[in-house]
PDB file of N, CA and C in Angstrom:
ATOM      1  N   MET A   1     122.652 111.059 106.019  1.00  0.00           N
ATOM      2  CA  MET A   1     123.236 112.369 105.803  1.00  0.00           C
ATOM      3  C   MET A   1     122.158 113.454 105.843  1.00  0.00           C
ATOM      4  N   ARG A   2     120.997 113.157 105.254  1.00  0.00           N
ATOM      5  CA  ARG A   2     119.910 114.131 105.228  1.00  0.00           C
ATOM      6  C   ARG A   2     119.443 114.461 106.645  1.00  0.00           C
ATOM      7  N   ALA A   3     119.259 113.425 107.478  1.00  0.00           N
ATOM      8  CA  ALA A   3     118.810 113.625 108.860  1.00  0.00           C
ATOM      9  C   ALA A   3     119.834 114.438 109.645  1.00  0.00           C
ATOM     10  N   ARG A   4     121.113 114.184 109.415  1.00  0.00           N
ATOM     11  CA  ARG A   4     122.164 114.931 110.109  1.00  0.00           C
ATOM     12  C   ARG A   4     122.149 116.406 109.705  1.00  0.00           C
ATOM     13  N   LEU A   5     121.933 116.659 108.412  1.00  0.00           N
ATOM     14  CA  LEU A   5     121.855 118.040 107.930  1.00  0.00           C
ATOM     15  C   LEU A   5     120.638 118.751 108.532  1.00  0.00           C
ATOM     16  N   GLN A   6     119.508 118.067 108.606  1.00  0.00           N
ATOM     17  CA  GLN A   6     118.306 118.657 109.206  1.00  0.00           C
ATOM     18  C   GLN A   6     118.558 119.020 110.670  1.00  0.00           C
ATOM     19  N   GLU A   7     119.200 118.119 111.416  1.00  0.00           N
ATOM     20  CA  GLU A   7     119.517 118.396 112.821  1.00  0.00           C
ATOM     21  C   GLU A   7     120.435 119.607 112.949  1.00  0.00           C
ATOM     22  N   GLU A   8     121.406 119.717 112.061  1.00  0.00           N
ATOM     23  CA  GLU A   8     122.328 120.851 112.104  1.00  0.00           C
ATOM     24  C   GLU A   8     121.592 122.161 111.816  1.00  0.00           C
ATOM     25  N   ILE A   9     120.678 122.148 110.851  1.00  0.00           N
ATOM     26  CA  ILE A   9     119.875 123.347 110.555  1.00  0.00           C
ATOM     27  C   ILE A   9     119.054 123.743 111.782  1.00  0.00           C
ATOM     28  N   LEU A  10     118.427 122.757 112.438  1.00  0.00           N
ATOM     29  CA  LEU A  10     117.657 123.047 113.656  1.00  0.00           C
ATOM     30  C   LEU A  10     118.545 123.622 114.753  1.00  0.00           C
ATOM     31  N   ASN A  11     119.749 123.085 114.913  1.00  0.00           N
ATOM     32  CA  ASN A  11     120.687 123.606 115.917  1.00  0.00           C
ATOM     33  C   ASN A  11     121.074 125.057 115.633  1.00  0.00           C
ATOM     34  N   VAL A  12     121.324 125.379 114.373  1.00  0.00           N
ATOM     35  CA  VAL A  12     121.669 126.753 113.983  1.00  0.00           C
ATOM     36  C   VAL A  12     120.488 127.675 114.268  1.00  0.00           C
ATOM     37  N   HIS A  13     119.284 127.245 113.962  1.00  0.00           N
ATOM     38  CA  HIS A  13     118.084 128.055 114.233  1.00  0.00           C
ATOM     39  C   HIS A  13     117.956 128.344 115.725  1.00  0.00           C
ATOM     40  N   ARG A  14     118.128 127.305 116.555  1.00  0.00           N
ATOM     41  CA  ARG A  14     118.008 127.481 118.013  1.00  0.00           C
ATOM     42  C   ARG A  14     119.104 128.411 118.552  1.00  0.00           C
ATOM     43  N   ARG A  15     120.308 128.201 118.065  1.00  0.00           N
ATOM     44  CA  ARG A  15     121.451 128.955 118.587  1.00  0.00           C
ATOM     45  C   ARG A  15     121.441 130.417 118.161  1.00  0.00           C
ATOM     46  N   TYR A  16     121.163 130.694 116.881  1.00  0.00           N
ATOM     47  CA  TYR A  16     121.298 132.051 116.355  1.00  0.00           C
ATOM     48  C   TYR A  16     119.973 132.730 116.028  1.00  0.00           C
ATOM     49  N   GLY A  17     118.866 132.008 116.025  1.00  0.00           N
ATOM     50  CA  GLY A  17     117.567 132.607 115.725  1.00  0.00           C
ATOM     51  C   GLY A  17     117.459 133.156 114.314  1.00  0.00           C
ATOM     52  N   VAL A  18     118.127 132.503 113.361  1.00  0.00           N
ATOM     53  CA  VAL A  18     118.117 132.972 111.975  1.00  0.00           C
ATOM     54  C   VAL A  18     116.880 132.473 111.223  1.00  0.00           C
ATOM     55  N   THR A  19     116.559 133.166 110.155  1.00  0.00           N
ATOM     56  CA  THR A  19     115.480 132.758 109.266  1.00  0.00           C
ATOM     57  C   THR A  19     116.089 132.049 108.071  1.00  0.00           C
ATOM     58  N   THR A  20     115.495 130.927 107.689  1.00  0.00           N
ATOM     59  CA  THR A  20     115.966 130.144 106.549  1.00  0.00           C
ATOM     60  C   THR A  20     114.803 129.923 105.601  1.00  0.00           C
ATOM     61  N   ILE A  21     115.059 130.034 104.319  1.00  0.00           N
ATOM     62  CA  ILE A  21     114.050 129.692 103.317  1.00  0.00           C
ATOM     63  C   ILE A  21     114.367 128.294 102.821  1.00  0.00           C
ATOM     64  N   LEU A  22     113.412 127.386 103.004  1.00  0.00           N
ATOM     65  CA  LEU A  22     113.559 125.987 102.615  1.00  0.00           C
ATOM     66  C   LEU A  22     112.580 125.696 101.486  1.00  0.00           C
ATOM     67  N   VAL A  23     113.066 125.129 100.417  1.00  0.00           N
ATOM     68  CA  VAL A  23     112.195 124.685  99.327  1.00  0.00           C
ATOM     69  C   VAL A  23     112.223 123.166  99.336  1.00  0.00           C
ATOM     70  N   SER A  24     111.047 122.558  99.537  1.00  0.00           N
ATOM     71  CA  SER A  24     110.984 121.104  99.641  1.00  0.00           C
ATOM     72  C   SER A  24     109.611 120.602  99.242  1.00  0.00           C
ATOM     73  N   HIS A  25     109.567 119.363  98.757  1.00  0.00           N
ATOM     74  CA  HIS A  25     108.313 118.676  98.478  1.00  0.00           C
ATOM     75  C   HIS A  25     108.135 117.523  99.454  1.00  0.00           C
ATOM     76  N   ASP A  26     109.038 117.395 100.417  1.00  0.00           N
ATOM     77  CA  ASP A  26     109.013 116.329 101.405  1.00  0.00           C
ATOM     78  C   ASP A  26     108.282 116.834 102.646  1.00  0.00           C
ATOM     79  N   LEU A  27     107.038 116.361 102.864  1.00  0.00           N
ATOM     80  CA  LEU A  27     106.223 116.868 103.963  1.00  0.00           C
ATOM     81  C   LEU A  27     106.849 116.618 105.328  1.00  0.00           C
ATOM     82  N   SER A  28     107.490 115.470 105.505  1.00  0.00           N
ATOM     83  CA  SER A  28     108.106 115.217 106.806  1.00  0.00           C
ATOM     84  C   SER A  28     109.224 116.227 107.086  1.00  0.00           C
ATOM     85  N   GLU A  29     109.968 116.590 106.067  1.00  0.00           N
ATOM     86  CA  GLU A  29     111.033 117.578 106.218  1.00  0.00           C
ATOM     87  C   GLU A  29     110.442 118.957 106.529  1.00  0.00           C
ATOM     88  N   ILE A  30     109.365 119.302 105.846  1.00  0.00           N
ATOM     89  CA  ILE A  30     108.711 120.588 106.082  1.00  0.00           C
ATOM     90  C   ILE A  30     108.199 120.669 107.515  1.00  0.00           C
ATOM     91  N   TYR A  31     107.516 119.602 107.982  1.00  0.00           N
ATOM     92  CA  TYR A  31     107.013 119.579 109.352  1.00  0.00           C
ATOM     93  C   TYR A  31     108.146 119.719 110.364  1.00  0.00           C
ATOM     94  N   LYS A  32     109.240 119.041 110.113  1.00  0.00           N
ATOM     95  CA  LYS A  32     110.346 119.024 111.060  1.00  0.00           C
ATOM     96  C   LYS A  32     111.057 120.374 111.140  1.00  0.00           C
ATOM     97  N   LEU A  33     111.239 121.041 110.006  1.00  0.00           N
ATOM     98  CA  LEU A  33     112.096 122.218 109.951  1.00  0.00           C
ATOM     99  C   LEU A  33     111.367 123.554 109.893  1.00  0.00           C
ATOM    100  N   SER A  34     110.062 123.566 109.685  1.00  0.00           N
ATOM    101  CA  SER A  34     109.367 124.831 109.426  1.00  0.00           C
ATOM    102  C   SER A  34     108.498 125.292 110.588  1.00  0.00           C
ATOM    103  N   THR A  35     108.440 126.605 110.741  1.00  0.00           N
ATOM    104  CA  THR A  35     107.477 127.208 111.658  1.00  0.00           C
ATOM    105  C   THR A  35     106.388 127.925 110.865  1.00  0.00           C
ATOM    106  N   ARG A  36     106.692 128.239 109.606  1.00  0.00           N
ATOM    107  CA  ARG A  36     105.720 128.878 108.717  1.00  0.00           C
ATOM    108  C   ARG A  36     105.916 128.311 107.319  1.00  0.00           C
ATOM    109  N   VAL A  37     104.799 128.050 106.628  1.00  0.00           N
ATOM    110  CA  VAL A  37     104.840 127.453 105.296  1.00  0.00           C
ATOM    111  C   VAL A  37     104.097 128.363 104.321  1.00  0.00           C
ATOM    112  N   LEU A  38     104.673 128.525 103.135  1.00  0.00           N
ATOM    113  CA  LEU A  38     104.024 129.243 102.040  1.00  0.00           C
ATOM    114  C   LEU A  38     103.841 128.259 100.902  1.00  0.00           C
ATOM    115  N   ILE A  39     102.643 128.172 100.362  1.00  0.00           N
ATOM    116  CA  ILE A  39     102.369 127.327  99.201  1.00  0.00           C
ATOM    117  C   ILE A  39     102.284 128.248  97.987  1.00  0.00           C
ATOM    118  N   LEU A  40     103.100 127.949  96.986  1.00  0.00           N
ATOM    119  CA  LEU A  40     103.134 128.751  95.766  1.00  0.00           C
ATOM    120  C   LEU A  40     102.485 127.991  94.616  1.00  0.00           C
ATOM    121  N   GLU A  41     101.683 128.691  93.847  1.00  0.00           N
ATOM    122  CA  GLU A  41     101.126 128.150  92.600  1.00  0.00           C
ATOM    123  C   GLU A  41     101.166 129.253  91.569  1.00  0.00           C
ATOM    124  N   GLY A  42     101.799 128.983  90.448  1.00  0.00           N
ATOM    125  CA  GLY A  42     101.899 129.987  89.391  1.00  0.00           C
ATOM    126  C   GLY A  42     102.636 131.238  89.835  1.00  0.00           C
ATOM    127  N   GLY A  43     103.589 131.087  90.755  1.00  0.00           N
ATOM    128  CA  GLY A  43     104.375 132.225  91.219  1.00  0.00           C
ATOM    129  C   GLY A  43     103.675 133.074  92.268  1.00  0.00           C
ATOM    130  N   ARG A  44     102.508 132.664  92.734  1.00  0.00           N
ATOM    131  CA  ARG A  44     101.755 133.418  93.740  1.00  0.00           C
ATOM    132  C   ARG A  44     101.551 132.582  94.999  1.00  0.00           C
ATOM    133  N   ILE A  45     101.539 133.239  96.145  1.00  0.00           N
ATOM    134  CA  ILE A  45     101.266 132.560  97.405  1.00  0.00           C
ATOM    135  C   ILE A  45      99.767 132.286  97.492  1.00  0.00           C
ATOM    136  N   VAL A  46      99.407 130.995  97.618  1.00  0.00           N
ATOM    137  CA  VAL A  46      97.981 130.629  97.702  1.00  0.00           C
ATOM    138  C   VAL A  46      97.588 130.180  99.109  1.00  0.00           C
ATOM    139  N   LYS A  47      98.572 129.819  99.939  1.00  0.00           N
ATOM    140  CA  LYS A  47      98.321 129.449 101.336  1.00  0.00           C
ATOM    141  C   LYS A  47      99.518 129.859 102.161  1.00  0.00           C
ATOM    142  N   SER A  48      99.252 130.232 103.415  1.00  0.00           N
ATOM    143  CA  SER A  48     100.324 130.599 104.328  1.00  0.00           C
ATOM    144  C   SER A  48      99.890 130.241 105.739  1.00  0.00           C
ATOM    145  N   GLY A  49     100.812 129.684 106.528  1.00  0.00           N
ATOM    146  CA  GLY A  49     100.482 129.360 107.911  1.00  0.00           C
ATOM    147  C   GLY A  49     101.428 128.341 108.496  1.00  0.00           C
ATOM    148  N   LYS A  50     101.050 127.807 109.662  1.00  0.00           N
ATOM    149  CA  LYS A  50     101.831 126.762 110.319  1.00  0.00           C
ATOM    150  C   LYS A  50     101.698 125.471 109.514  1.00  0.00           C
ATOM    151  N   PRO A  51     102.728 124.610 109.519  1.00  0.00           N
ATOM    152  CA  PRO A  51     102.662 123.363 108.749  1.00  0.00           C
ATOM    153  C   PRO A  51     101.414 122.524 109.043  1.00  0.00           C
ATOM    154  N   ALA A  52     101.062 122.378 110.311  1.00  0.00           N
ATOM    155  CA  ALA A  52      99.892 121.563 110.661  1.00  0.00           C
ATOM    156  C   ALA A  52      98.607 122.147 110.097  1.00  0.00           C
ATOM    157  N   ASP A  53      98.509 123.475 110.062  1.00  0.00           N
ATOM    158  CA  ASP A  53      97.306 124.118 109.526  1.00  0.00           C
ATOM    159  C   ASP A  53      97.234 124.009 108.006  1.00  0.00           C
ATOM    160  N   ILE A  54      98.363 124.100 107.349  1.00  0.00           N
ATOM    161  CA  ILE A  54      98.408 124.050 105.884  1.00  0.00           C
ATOM    162  C   ILE A  54      98.122 122.650 105.360  1.00  0.00           C
ATOM    163  N   PHE A  55      98.697 121.632 105.980  1.00  0.00           N
ATOM    164  CA  PHE A  55      98.609 120.285 105.444  1.00  0.00           C
ATOM    165  C   PHE A  55      97.514 119.422 106.056  1.00  0.00           C
ATOM    166  N   ALA A  56      96.886 119.879 107.121  1.00  0.00           N
ATOM    167  CA  ALA A  56      95.829 119.082 107.748  1.00  0.00           C
ATOM    168  C   ALA A  56      94.591 119.091 106.863  1.00  0.00           C
ATOM    169  N   GLU A  57      94.032 117.924 106.650  1.00  0.00           N
ATOM    170  CA  GLU A  57      92.795 117.778 105.884  1.00  0.00           C
ATOM    171  C   GLU A  57      91.649 117.736 106.867  1.00  0.00           C
ATOM    172  N   LYS A  58      90.862 118.792 106.906  1.00  0.00           N
ATOM    173  CA  LYS A  58      89.737 118.866 107.834  1.00  0.00           C
ATOM    174  C   LYS A  58      88.618 117.908 107.423  1.00  0.00           C
ATOM    175  N   LYS A  59      88.578 117.500 106.155  1.00  0.00           N
ATOM    176  CA  LYS A  59      87.504 116.635 105.653  1.00  0.00           C
ATOM    177  C   LYS A  59      87.584 115.221 106.199  1.00  0.00           C
ATOM    178  N   ILE A  60      88.767 114.785 106.603  1.00  0.00           N
ATOM    179  CA  ILE A  60      88.953 113.392 106.985  1.00  0.00           C
ATOM    180  C   ILE A  60      89.391 113.327 108.442  1.00  0.00           C
ATOM    181  N   SER A  61      88.682 112.546 109.241  1.00  0.00           N
ATOM    182  CA  SER A  61      89.162 112.306 110.596  1.00  0.00           C
ATOM    183  C   SER A  61      89.632 110.861 110.632  1.00  0.00           C
ATOM    184  N   GLY A  62      90.801 110.638 111.159  1.00  0.00           N
ATOM    185  CA  GLY A  62      91.328 109.288 111.188  1.00  0.00           C
ATOM    186  C   GLY A  62      92.428 109.153 112.220  1.00  0.00           C
ATOM    187  N   LYS A  63      92.840 107.919 112.457  1.00  0.00           N
ATOM    188  CA  LYS A  63      93.920 107.651 113.396  1.00  0.00           C
ATOM    189  C   LYS A  63      95.255 108.142 112.842  1.00  0.00           C
ATOM    190  N   PHE A  64      95.440 107.989 111.504  1.00  0.00           N
ATOM    191  CA  PHE A  64      96.646 108.502 110.867  1.00  0.00           C
ATOM    192  C   PHE A  64      96.296 109.013 109.483  1.00  0.00           C
ATOM    193  N   LYS A  65      97.118 109.939 108.974  1.00  0.00           N
ATOM    194  CA  LYS A  65      96.951 110.487 107.633  1.00  0.00           C
ATOM    195  C   LYS A  65      98.333 110.727 107.049  1.00  0.00           C
ATOM    196  N   PHE A  66      98.524 110.306 105.811  1.00  0.00           N
ATOM    197  CA  PHE A  66      99.770 110.546 105.101  1.00  0.00           C
ATOM    198  C   PHE A  66      99.423 111.070 103.716  1.00  0.00           C
ATOM    199  N   VAL A  67     100.257 111.941 103.184  1.00  0.00           N
ATOM    200  CA  VAL A  67     100.125 112.387 101.809  1.00  0.00           C
ATOM    201  C   VAL A  67     101.296 111.805 101.048  1.00  0.00           C
ATOM    202  N   GLY A  68     101.015 111.199  99.894  1.00  0.00           N
ATOM    203  CA  GLY A  68     102.078 110.604  99.097  1.00  0.00           C
ATOM    204  C   GLY A  68     101.727 110.602  97.630  1.00  0.00           C
ATOM    205  N   GLU A  69     102.576 109.971  96.850  1.00  0.00           N
ATOM    206  CA  GLU A  69     102.391 109.896  95.399  1.00  0.00           C
ATOM    207  C   GLU A  69     102.319 108.439  94.978  1.00  0.00           C
ATOM    208  N   ILE A  70     101.343 108.127  94.124  1.00  0.00           N
ATOM    209  CA  ILE A  70     101.189 106.760  93.640  1.00  0.00           C
ATOM    210  C   ILE A  70     102.355 106.421  92.712  1.00  0.00           C
ATOM    211  N   ALA A  71     103.094 105.375  93.077  1.00  0.00           N
ATOM    212  CA  ALA A  71     104.242 104.933  92.278  1.00  0.00           C
ATOM    213  C   ALA A  71     103.846 103.823  91.306  1.00  0.00           C
ATOM    214  N   SER A  72     102.915 102.957  91.729  1.00  0.00           N
ATOM    215  CA  SER A  72     102.466 101.886  90.834  1.00  0.00           C
ATOM    216  C   SER A  72     101.105 101.372  91.276  1.00  0.00           C
ATOM    217  N   ILE A  73     100.401 100.798  90.306  1.00  0.00           N
ATOM    218  CA  ILE A  73      99.119 100.140  90.556  1.00  0.00           C
ATOM    219  C   ILE A  73      99.205  98.780  89.874  1.00  0.00           C
ATOM    220  N   GLU A  74      99.084  97.719  90.680  1.00  0.00           N
ATOM    221  CA  GLU A  74      99.213  96.369  90.136  1.00  0.00           C
ATOM    222  C   GLU A  74      97.977  95.551  90.485  1.00  0.00           C
ATOM    223  N   ARG A  75      97.515  94.768  89.532  1.00  0.00           N
ATOM    224  CA  ARG A  75      96.391  93.866  89.777  1.00  0.00           C
ATOM    225  C   ARG A  75      96.921  92.547  90.328  1.00  0.00           C
ATOM    226  N   ASP A  76      96.264  92.033  91.357  1.00  0.00           N
ATOM    227  CA  ASP A  76      96.633  90.757  91.958  1.00  0.00           C
ATOM    228  C   ASP A  76      95.343  89.990  92.194  1.00  0.00           C
ATOM    229  N   ASP A  77      94.987  89.123  91.265  1.00  0.00           N
ATOM    230  CA  ASP A  77      93.711  88.391  91.289  1.00  0.00           C
ATOM    231  C   ASP A  77      92.547  89.367  91.265  1.00  0.00           C
ATOM    232  N   VAL A  78      91.778  89.441  92.351  1.00  0.00           N
ATOM    233  CA  VAL A  78      90.575  90.282  92.365  1.00  0.00           C
ATOM    234  C   VAL A  78      90.790  91.636  93.030  1.00  0.00           C
ATOM    235  N   ILE A  79      92.008  91.915  93.505  1.00  0.00           N
ATOM    236  CA  ILE A  79      92.299  93.199  94.135  1.00  0.00           C
ATOM    237  C   ILE A  79      93.391  93.933  93.372  1.00  0.00           C
ATOM    238  N   HIS A  80      93.583  95.179  93.730  1.00  0.00           N
ATOM    239  CA  HIS A  80      94.683  95.976  93.190  1.00  0.00           C
ATOM    240  C   HIS A  80      95.567  96.388  94.356  1.00  0.00           C
ATOM    241  N   ILE A  81      96.860  96.403  94.117  1.00  0.00           N
ATOM    242  CA  ILE A  81      97.805  96.852  95.126  1.00  0.00           C
ATOM    243  C   ILE A  81      98.410  98.160  94.630  1.00  0.00           C
ATOM    244  N   ILE A  82      98.198  99.205  95.417  1.00  0.00           N
ATOM    245  CA  ILE A  82      98.709 100.525  95.073  1.00  0.00           C
ATOM    246  C   ILE A  82      99.943 100.779  95.923  1.00  0.00           C
ATOM    247  N   THR A  83     101.047 101.101  95.271  1.00  0.00           N
ATOM    248  CA  THR A  83     102.275 101.449  95.971  1.00  0.00           C
ATOM    249  C   THR A  83     102.348 102.968  96.026  1.00  0.00           C
ATOM    250  N   VAL A  84     102.439 103.503  97.251  1.00  0.00           N
ATOM    251  CA  VAL A  84     102.459 104.948  97.460  1.00  0.00           C
ATOM    252  C   VAL A  84     103.775 105.336  98.133  1.00  0.00           C
ATOM    253  N   LEU A  85     104.430 106.350  97.585  1.00  0.00           N
ATOM    254  CA  LEU A  85     105.655 106.875  98.175  1.00  0.00           C
ATOM    255  C   LEU A  85     105.280 108.009  99.125  1.00  0.00           C
ATOM    256  N   VAL A  86     105.630 107.845 100.400  1.00  0.00           N
ATOM    257  CA  VAL A  86     105.369 108.858 101.423  1.00  0.00           C
ATOM    258  C   VAL A  86     106.720 109.226 102.028  1.00  0.00           C
ATOM    259  N   GLY A  87     107.243 110.369 101.632  1.00  0.00           N
ATOM    260  CA  GLY A  87     108.593 110.737 102.075  1.00  0.00           C
ATOM    261  C   GLY A  87     109.573 109.703 101.565  1.00  0.00           C
ATOM    262  N   ASN A  88     110.327 109.100 102.470  1.00  0.00           N
ATOM    263  CA  ASN A  88     111.272 108.052 102.101  1.00  0.00           C
ATOM    264  C   ASN A  88     110.694 106.663 102.320  1.00  0.00           C
ATOM    265  N   ASN A  89     109.391 106.580 102.537  1.00  0.00           N
ATOM    266  CA  ASN A  89     108.737 105.308 102.821  1.00  0.00           C
ATOM    267  C   ASN A  89     107.889 104.838 101.653  1.00  0.00           C
ATOM    268  N   VAL A  90     107.765 103.526 101.529  1.00  0.00           N
ATOM    269  CA  VAL A  90     106.902 102.907 100.522  1.00  0.00           C
ATOM    270  C   VAL A  90     105.777 102.221 101.275  1.00  0.00           C
ATOM    271  N   ILE A  91     104.530 102.584 100.940  1.00  0.00           N
ATOM    272  CA  ILE A  91     103.353 102.008 101.587  1.00  0.00           C
ATOM    273  C   ILE A  91     102.521 101.311 100.529  1.00  0.00           C
ATOM    274  N   LYS A  92     102.095 100.093 100.821  1.00  0.00           N
ATOM    275  CA  LYS A  92     101.248  99.334  99.901  1.00  0.00           C
ATOM    276  C   LYS A  92      99.832  99.315 100.463  1.00  0.00           C
ATOM    277  N   VAL A  93      98.862  99.652  99.608  1.00  0.00           N
ATOM    278  CA  VAL A  93      97.459  99.727 100.000  1.00  0.00           C
ATOM    279  C   VAL A  93      96.647  98.880  99.032  1.00  0.00           C
ATOM    280  N   VAL A  94      95.711  98.117  99.559  1.00  0.00           N
ATOM    281  CA  VAL A  94      94.807  97.321  98.727  1.00  0.00           C
ATOM    282  C   VAL A  94      93.628  98.202  98.335  1.00  0.00           C
ATOM    283  N   ALA A  95      93.226  98.149  97.068  1.00  0.00           N
ATOM    284  CA  ALA A  95      92.120  98.974  96.582  1.00  0.00           C
ATOM    285  C   ALA A  95      91.189  98.156  95.696  1.00  0.00           C
ATOM    286  N   THR A  96      89.933  98.556  95.685  1.00  0.00           N
ATOM    287  CA  THR A  96      88.931  97.926  94.827  1.00  0.00           C
ATOM    288  C   THR A  96      88.872  98.660  93.487  1.00  0.00           C
ATOM    289  N   GLU A  97      88.146  98.090  92.546  1.00  0.00           N
ATOM    290  CA  GLU A  97      87.952  98.739  91.233  1.00  0.00           C
ATOM    291  C   GLU A  97      87.330 100.125  91.393  1.00  0.00           C
ATOM    292  N   GLU A  98      86.353 100.232  92.290  1.00  0.00           N
ATOM    293  CA  GLU A  98      85.662 101.507  92.498  1.00  0.00           C
ATOM    294  C   GLU A  98      86.617 102.579  93.019  1.00  0.00           C
ATOM    295  N   GLU A  99      87.505 102.186  93.941  1.00  0.00           N
ATOM    296  CA  GLU A  99      88.462 103.142  94.496  1.00  0.00           C
ATOM    297  C   GLU A  99      89.481 103.597  93.452  1.00  0.00           C
ATOM    298  N   LEU A 100      89.750 102.743  92.463  1.00  0.00           N
ATOM    299  CA  LEU A 100      90.730 103.070  91.429  1.00  0.00           C
ATOM    300  C   LEU A 100      90.180 103.951  90.322  1.00  0.00           C
ATOM    301  N   ALA A 101      88.875 104.127  90.275  1.00  0.00           N
ATOM    302  CA  ALA A 101      88.235 104.835  89.166  1.00  0.00           C
ATOM    303  C   ALA A 101      88.873 106.189  88.863  1.00  0.00           C
ATOM    304  N   ASP A 102      89.293 106.921  89.889  1.00  0.00           N
ATOM    305  CA  ASP A 102      89.817 108.271  89.695  1.00  0.00           C
ATOM    306  C   ASP A 102      91.320 108.370  89.974  1.00  0.00           C
ATOM    307  N   LEU A 103      92.003 107.232  90.102  1.00  0.00           N
ATOM    308  CA  LEU A 103      93.413 107.245  90.488  1.00  0.00           C
ATOM    309  C   LEU A 103      94.320 106.768  89.361  1.00  0.00           C
ATOM    310  N   ALA A 104      95.529 107.343  89.316  1.00  0.00           N
ATOM    311  CA  ALA A 104      96.522 106.945  88.317  1.00  0.00           C
ATOM    312  C   ALA A 104      97.917 107.139  88.909  1.00  0.00           C
ATOM    313  N   VAL A 105      98.892 106.472  88.334  1.00  0.00           N
ATOM    314  CA  VAL A 105     100.287 106.641  88.755  1.00  0.00           C
ATOM    315  C   VAL A 105     100.644 108.118  88.633  1.00  0.00           C
ATOM    316  N   GLY A 106     101.295 108.644  89.660  1.00  0.00           N
ATOM    317  CA  GLY A 106     101.683 110.056  89.682  1.00  0.00           C
ATOM    318  C   GLY A 106     100.739 110.930  90.482  1.00  0.00           C
ATOM    319  N   ASN A 107      99.507 110.450  90.764  1.00  0.00           N
ATOM    320  CA  ASN A 107      98.560 111.232  91.564  1.00  0.00           C
ATOM    321  C   ASN A 107      99.071 111.380  92.984  1.00  0.00           C
ATOM    322  N   ARG A 108      98.845 112.549  93.568  1.00  0.00           N
ATOM    323  CA  ARG A 108      99.084 112.728  95.004  1.00  0.00           C
ATOM    324  C   ARG A 108      97.818 112.276  95.703  1.00  0.00           C
ATOM    325  N   VAL A 109      97.980 111.474  96.741  1.00  0.00           N
ATOM    326  CA  VAL A 109      96.841 110.913  97.459  1.00  0.00           C
ATOM    327  C   VAL A 109      97.034 111.070  98.964  1.00  0.00           C
ATOM    328  N   ILE A 110      95.913 110.990  99.668  1.00  0.00           N
ATOM    329  CA  ILE A 110      95.906 110.963 101.118  1.00  0.00           C
ATOM    330  C   ILE A 110      95.573 109.538 101.532  1.00  0.00           C
ATOM    331  N   ILE A 111      96.377 108.974 102.421  1.00  0.00           N
ATOM    332  CA  ILE A 111      96.096 107.657 102.986  1.00  0.00           C
ATOM    333  C   ILE A 111      95.709 107.904 104.434  1.00  0.00           C
ATOM    334  N   SER A 112      94.516 107.460 104.818  1.00  0.00           N
ATOM    335  CA  SER A 112      94.105 107.617 106.212  1.00  0.00           C
ATOM    336  C   SER A 112      93.401 106.355 106.664  1.00  0.00           C
ATOM    337  N   SER A 113      93.332 106.186 107.977  1.00  0.00           N
ATOM    338  CA  SER A 113      92.675 105.009 108.519  1.00  0.00           C
ATOM    339  C   SER A 113      92.015 105.354 109.839  1.00  0.00           C
ATOM    340  N   LYS A 114      90.813 104.833 110.022  1.00  0.00           N
ATOM    341  CA  LYS A 114      90.128 104.997 111.298  1.00  0.00           C
ATOM    342  C   LYS A 114      90.390 103.799 112.184  1.00  0.00           C
ATOM    343  N   ALA A 115      90.689 102.661 111.605  1.00  0.00           N
ATOM    344  CA  ALA A 115      90.997 101.445 112.363  1.00  0.00           C
ATOM    345  C   ALA A 115      91.867 100.588 111.468  1.00  0.00           C
ATOM    346  N   PHE A 116      91.309  99.494 110.956  1.00  0.00           N
ATOM    347  CA  PHE A 116      92.083  98.615 110.084  1.00  0.00           C
ATOM    348  C   PHE A 116      91.608  98.703 108.639  1.00  0.00           C
ATOM    349  N   ASN A 117      90.799  99.680 108.317  1.00  0.00           N
ATOM    350  CA  ASN A 117      90.264  99.829 106.972  1.00  0.00           C
ATOM    351  C   ASN A 117      90.741 101.169 106.405  1.00  0.00           C
ATOM    352  N   PRO A 118      91.941 101.225 105.797  1.00  0.00           N
ATOM    353  CA  PRO A 118      92.444 102.496 105.296  1.00  0.00           C
ATOM    354  C   PRO A 118      91.583 103.056 104.175  1.00  0.00           C
ATOM    355  N   ILE A 119      91.555 104.363 104.087  1.00  0.00           N
ATOM    356  CA  ILE A 119      90.827 105.071 103.029  1.00  0.00           C
ATOM    357  C   ILE A 119      91.871 105.738 102.143  1.00  0.00           C
ATOM    358  N   LEU A 120      91.754 105.565 100.819  1.00  0.00           N
ATOM    359  CA  LEU A 120      92.685 106.153  99.880  1.00  0.00           C
ATOM    360  C   LEU A 120      91.897 107.050  98.955  1.00  0.00           C
ATOM    361  N   MET A 121      92.285 108.327  98.890  1.00  0.00           N
ATOM    362  CA  MET A 121      91.581 109.256  98.006  1.00  0.00           C
ATOM    363  C   MET A 121      92.553 110.237  97.369  1.00  0.00           C
ATOM    364  N   LYS A 122      92.191 110.753  96.217  1.00  0.00           N
ATOM    365  CA  LYS A 122      93.033 111.690  95.485  1.00  0.00           C
ATOM    366  C   LYS A 122      93.209 112.955  96.295  1.00  0.00           C
ATOM    367  N   ALA A 123      94.450 113.450  96.427  1.00  0.00           N
ATOM    368  CA  ALA A 123      94.738 114.651  97.213  1.00  0.00           C
ATOM    369  C   ALA A 123      94.515 115.898  96.377  1.00  0.00           C
TER     370      ALA A 123
END
């Protein structure tokens, strides 16, 4: 239903050229539906621009990058498995003790990978 509603909003935008104000915390939805993004903190605009410019992390170069929220951290023998919610997806990442030092459930994190070794850091 959500995808159908998004498509209908896009069709209305194309057909009538109307402006819509969308409030969302879902990055995939923002990327799909927005041409301009405003980031608000404390009632003030702190960032403004195209979605790719606002959400792109210049510090990290990788094959893929996702921003999500840590849902759980579980120990499994000598490793930890971090479950991260990215939009409507659940991603599991293996982490070491050192990588967990600054992470907790509820943190927003960036998941990126240059090959087969993903990097997980606090967003």
